[in-house]
């Protein structure tokens, strides 16, 4: 897996000038997305090492993508967005930067929706408990009503 990321990282840095940035990006993202959680930690370290040695736009883009993956151990959306903001707005990777930024927006929206679902489920469980208490009161004949 790490070898695949290294190959994909090499492609995105321009080692293969005949490959388009979009094709390089697709290969890199597919490799990262196929990584298990433990492999994703290794990928993050590998990409971070590359970024620290050569903080270019392609390295920022790769690190941003890895940090935006939904993993408890590696996800850092704030840093991911900050890396994208450091990139040149109209450079070679501008379309991929825009795509990655949009994906982060979607991840944030999805997380907010999941939180809302958890809240609604909690409220539903509370209402079910109240309903069960009321039903128990009716069965005991202790409920007063019209």
C-alpha atoms as a PDB file:
ATOM      1  CA  UNK A   1       0.000   0.000   0.000  1.00  0.00           C
ATOM      2  CA  UNK A   2       2.728   2.470   0.975  1.00  0.00           C
ATOM      3  CA  UNK A   3       4.582   1.670  -2.246  1.00  0.00           C
ATOM      4  CA  UNK A   4       1.427   2.548  -4.189  1.00  0.00           C
ATOM      5  CA  UNK A   5       1.189   5.884  -2.367  1.00  0.00           C
ATOM      6  CA  UNK A   6       4.851   6.592  -3.093  1.00  0.00           C
ATOM      7  CA  UNK A   7       4.274   5.871  -6.779  1.00  0.00           C
ATOM      8  CA  UNK A   8       1.134   7.996  -6.804  1.00  0.00           C
ATOM      9  CA  UNK A   9       2.968  10.777  -4.935  1.00  0.00           C
ATOM     10  CA  UNK A  10       5.777  10.633  -7.460  1.00  0.00           C
ATOM     11  CA  UNK A  11       3.290  10.991 -10.270  1.00  0.00           C
ATOM     12  CA  UNK A  12       1.678  14.039  -8.717  1.00  0.00           C
ATOM     13  CA  UNK A  13       5.035  15.756  -8.258  1.00  0.00           C
ATOM     14  CA  UNK A  14       5.547  15.748 -11.999  1.00  0.00           C
ATOM     15  CA  UNK A  15       7.942  12.813 -12.409  1.00  0.00           C
ATOM     16  CA  UNK A  16       5.696  11.554 -15.174  1.00  0.00           C
ATOM     17  CA  UNK A  17       5.233  14.652 -17.295  1.00  0.00           C
ATOM     18  CA  UNK A  18       3.060  12.811 -19.810  1.00  0.00           C
ATOM     19  CA  UNK A  19       0.336  12.119 -17.233  1.00  0.00           C
ATOM     20  CA  UNK A  20      -2.262  14.803 -16.575  1.00  0.00           C
ATOM     21  CA  UNK A  21      -2.641  16.176 -13.039  1.00  0.00           C
ATOM     22  CA  UNK A  22      -6.224  14.892 -12.972  1.00  0.00           C
ATOM     23  CA  UNK A  23      -5.167  11.326 -13.848  1.00  0.00           C
ATOM     24  CA  UNK A  24      -2.363  11.514 -11.285  1.00  0.00           C
ATOM     25  CA  UNK A  25      -4.795  12.809  -8.679  1.00  0.00           C
ATOM     26  CA  UNK A  26      -7.316  10.061  -9.430  1.00  0.00           C
ATOM     27  CA  UNK A  27      -4.654   7.403  -8.924  1.00  0.00           C
ATOM     28  CA  UNK A  28      -3.450   8.981  -5.673  1.00  0.00           C
ATOM     29  CA  UNK A  29      -6.955   9.361  -4.222  1.00  0.00           C
ATOM     30  CA  UNK A  30      -7.907   5.807  -5.189  1.00  0.00           C
ATOM     31  CA  UNK A  31      -4.821   4.513  -3.414  1.00  0.00           C
ATOM     32  CA  UNK A  32      -5.537   6.554  -0.279  1.00  0.00           C
ATOM     33  CA  UNK A  33      -9.222   5.652  -0.257  1.00  0.00           C
ATOM     34  CA  UNK A  34      -8.374   1.937  -0.439  1.00  0.00           C
ATOM     35  CA  UNK A  35      -6.105   2.201   2.612  1.00  0.00           C
ATOM     36  CA  UNK A  36      -7.173   0.606   5.880  1.00  0.00           C
ATOM     37  CA  UNK A  37      -7.176   2.823   8.997  1.00  0.00           C
ATOM     38  CA  UNK A  38      -3.725   1.593  10.033  1.00  0.00           C
ATOM     39  CA  UNK A  39      -2.400   2.041   6.497  1.00  0.00           C
ATOM     40  CA  UNK A  40      -3.899   5.521   6.418  1.00  0.00           C
ATOM     41  CA  UNK A  41      -1.759   6.480   9.408  1.00  0.00           C
ATOM     42  CA  UNK A  42       1.322   5.275   7.532  1.00  0.00           C
ATOM     43  CA  UNK A  43       0.205   7.132   4.403  1.00  0.00           C
ATOM     44  CA  UNK A  44      -0.278  10.311   6.438  1.00  0.00           C
ATOM     45  CA  UNK A  45       3.249  10.020   7.851  1.00  0.00           C
ATOM     46  CA  UNK A  46       4.705   9.393   4.380  1.00  0.00           C
ATOM     47  CA  UNK A  47       2.856  12.323   2.816  1.00  0.00           C
ATOM     48  CA  UNK A  48       3.678  14.569   5.794  1.00  0.00           C
ATOM     49  CA  UNK A  49       7.370  13.700   5.447  1.00  0.00           C
ATOM     50  CA  UNK A  50       7.185  14.616   1.745  1.00  0.00           C
ATOM     51  CA  UNK A  51       5.411  17.886   2.527  1.00  0.00           C
ATOM     52  CA  UNK A  52       7.927  18.816   5.235  1.00  0.00           C
ATOM     53  CA  UNK A  53      10.848  18.192   2.888  1.00  0.00           C
ATOM     54  CA  UNK A  54       9.269  19.993  -0.107  1.00  0.00           C
ATOM     55  CA  UNK A  55       6.254  22.152   0.783  1.00  0.00           C
ATOM     56  CA  UNK A  56       5.017  22.588  -2.795  1.00  0.00           C
ATOM     57  CA  UNK A  57       1.414  22.826  -3.952  1.00  0.00           C
ATOM     58  CA  UNK A  58       1.299  19.165  -4.986  1.00  0.00           C
ATOM     59  CA  UNK A  59       2.519  18.097  -1.531  1.00  0.00           C
ATOM     60  CA  UNK A  60       0.001  20.436   0.145  1.00  0.00           C
ATOM     61  CA  UNK A  61      -2.785  18.968  -1.966  1.00  0.00           C
ATOM     62  CA  UNK A  62      -1.849  15.377  -1.095  1.00  0.00           C
ATOM     63  CA  UNK A  63      -1.511  16.119   2.626  1.00  0.00           C
ATOM     64  CA  UNK A  64      -4.787  18.035   2.623  1.00  0.00           C
ATOM     65  CA  UNK A  65      -6.537  15.064   1.019  1.00  0.00           C
ATOM     66  CA  UNK A  66      -5.117  12.565   3.505  1.00  0.00           C
ATOM     67  CA  UNK A  67      -6.114  14.795   6.434  1.00  0.00           C
ATOM     68  CA  UNK A  68      -9.664  15.093   5.097  1.00  0.00           C
ATOM     69  CA  UNK A  69     -10.296  11.334   5.090  1.00  0.00           C
ATOM     70  CA  UNK A  70     -12.886  10.169   7.633  1.00  0.00           C
ATOM     71  CA  UNK A  71     -10.616   8.453  10.119  1.00  0.00           C
ATOM     72  CA  UNK A  72     -10.534   9.188  13.821  1.00  0.00           C
ATOM     73  CA  UNK A  73      -6.743   8.908  13.851  1.00  0.00           C
ATOM     74  CA  UNK A  74      -5.948  11.061  10.825  1.00  0.00           C
ATOM     75  CA  UNK A  75      -8.801  13.478  10.131  1.00  0.00           C
ATOM     76  CA  UNK A  76      -8.005  17.167  10.641  1.00  0.00           C
ATOM     77  CA  UNK A  77     -10.341  19.256   8.498  1.00  0.00           C
ATOM     78  CA  UNK A  78      -9.071  22.576   9.851  1.00  0.00           C
ATOM     79  CA  UNK A  79      -5.492  21.819   8.864  1.00  0.00           C
ATOM     80  CA  UNK A  80      -6.659  20.301   5.588  1.00  0.00           C
ATOM     81  CA  UNK A  81      -8.457  23.524   4.665  1.00  0.00           C
ATOM     82  CA  UNK A  82      -5.482  25.653   5.794  1.00  0.00           C
ATOM     83  CA  UNK A  83      -3.171  23.684   3.492  1.00  0.00           C
ATOM     84  CA  UNK A  84      -5.485  24.351   0.556  1.00  0.00           C
ATOM     85  CA  UNK A  85      -5.582  28.057   1.382  1.00  0.00           C
ATOM     86  CA  UNK A  86      -1.763  28.153   1.221  1.00  0.00           C
ATOM     87  CA  UNK A  87      -1.865  26.984  -2.394  1.00  0.00           C
ATOM     88  CA  UNK A  88      -1.661  29.323  -5.341  1.00  0.00           C
ATOM     89  CA  UNK A  89      -5.210  30.136  -6.405  1.00  0.00           C
ATOM     90  CA  UNK A  90      -4.566  29.964 -10.131  1.00  0.00           C
ATOM     91  CA  UNK A  91      -1.691  27.489 -10.389  1.00  0.00           C
ATOM     92  CA  UNK A  92      -1.506  24.115 -12.071  1.00  0.00           C
ATOM     93  CA  UNK A  93      -3.433  22.477  -9.251  1.00  0.00           C
ATOM     94  CA  UNK A  94      -6.182  25.128  -8.934  1.00  0.00           C
ATOM     95  CA  UNK A  95      -8.985  22.848 -10.235  1.00  0.00           C
ATOM     96  CA  UNK A  96      -7.931  20.056  -7.867  1.00  0.00           C
ATOM     97  CA  UNK A  97      -7.656  22.578  -5.028  1.00  0.00           C
ATOM     98  CA  UNK A  98     -11.238  23.683  -5.718  1.00  0.00           C
ATOM     99  CA  UNK A  99     -12.395  20.066  -5.842  1.00  0.00           C
ATOM    100  CA  UNK A 100     -10.660  19.226  -2.559  1.00  0.00           C
ATOM    101  CA  UNK A 101     -12.089  22.345  -0.902  1.00  0.00           C
ATOM    102  CA  UNK A 102     -15.591  21.420  -2.046  1.00  0.00           C
ATOM    103  CA  UNK A 103     -15.111  17.892  -0.719  1.00  0.00           C
ATOM    104  CA  UNK A 104     -14.123  19.282   2.688  1.00  0.00           C
ATOM    105  CA  UNK A 105     -17.301  21.386   2.666  1.00  0.00           C
ATOM    106  CA  UNK A 106     -19.312  18.233   1.950  1.00  0.00           C
ATOM    107  CA  UNK A 107     -17.562  16.288   4.731  1.00  0.00           C
ATOM    108  CA  UNK A 108     -18.371  19.094   7.178  1.00  0.00           C
ATOM    109  CA  UNK A 109     -22.010  19.111   6.059  1.00  0.00           C
ATOM    110  CA  UNK A 110     -22.172  15.329   6.375  1.00  0.00           C
ATOM    111  CA  UNK A 111     -20.735  15.460   9.893  1.00  0.00           C
ATOM    112  CA  UNK A 112     -23.302  18.102  10.853  1.00  0.00           C
ATOM    113  CA  UNK A 113     -26.087  15.921   9.419  1.00  0.00           C
ATOM    114  CA  UNK A 114     -24.825  12.904  11.387  1.00  0.00           C
ATOM    115  CA  UNK A 115     -24.769  14.985  14.559  1.00  0.00           C
ATOM    116  CA  UNK A 116     -28.326  16.136  13.868  1.00  0.00           C
ATOM    117  CA  UNK A 117     -29.401  12.512  13.329  1.00  0.00           C
ATOM    118  CA  UNK A 118     -27.796  11.497  16.647  1.00  0.00           C
ATOM    119  CA  UNK A 119     -29.604  14.340  18.402  1.00  0.00           C
ATOM    120  CA  UNK A 120     -32.954  13.401  16.836  1.00  0.00           C
ATOM    121  CA  UNK A 121     -32.445   9.725  17.726  1.00  0.00           C
ATOM    122  CA  UNK A 122     -31.741  10.724  21.317  1.00  0.00           C
ATOM    123  CA  UNK A 123     -34.900  12.839  21.405  1.00  0.00           C
ATOM    124  CA  UNK A 124     -36.893   9.978  19.884  1.00  0.00           C
ATOM    125  CA  UNK A 125     -35.615   7.581  22.545  1.00  0.00           C
ATOM    126  CA  UNK A 126     -36.601  10.083  25.252  1.00  0.00           C
ATOM    127  CA  UNK A 127     -40.097  10.374  23.765  1.00  0.00           C
ATOM    128  CA  UNK A 128     -40.388   6.575  23.616  1.00  0.00           C
ATOM    129  CA  UNK A 129     -39.421   6.385  27.289  1.00  0.00           C
ATOM    130  CA  UNK A 130     -42.065   8.983  28.175  1.00  0.00           C
ATOM    131  CA  UNK A 131     -44.641   7.094  26.113  1.00  0.00           C
ATOM    132  CA  UNK A 132     -43.735   3.850  27.870  1.00  0.00           C
ATOM    133  CA  UNK A 133     -44.078   5.556  31.269  1.00  0.00           C
ATOM    134  CA  UNK A 134     -47.481   6.903  30.292  1.00  0.00           C
ATOM    135  CA  UNK A 135     -48.580   3.495  29.024  1.00  0.00           C
ATOM    136  CA  UNK A 136     -47.456   1.895  32.278  1.00  0.00           C
ATOM    137  CA  UNK A 137     -49.444   4.493  34.210  1.00  0.00           C
ATOM    138  CA  UNK A 138     -52.545   3.683  32.159  1.00  0.00           C
ATOM    139  CA  UNK A 139     -52.113  -0.028  32.792  1.00  0.00           C
ATOM    140  CA  UNK A 140     -51.927   0.606  36.546  1.00  0.00           C
ATOM    141  CA  UNK A 141     -55.037   2.712  36.418  1.00  0.00           C
ATOM    142  CA  UNK A 142     -53.157   5.587  38.024  1.00  0.00           C
ATOM    143  CA  UNK A 143     -53.515   7.994  35.144  1.00  0.00           C
ATOM    144  CA  UNK A 144     -56.187  10.577  35.579  1.00  0.00           C
ATOM    145  CA  UNK A 145     -57.845  11.847  32.472  1.00  0.00           C
ATOM    146  CA  UNK A 146     -61.052  13.079  30.900  1.00  0.00           C
END
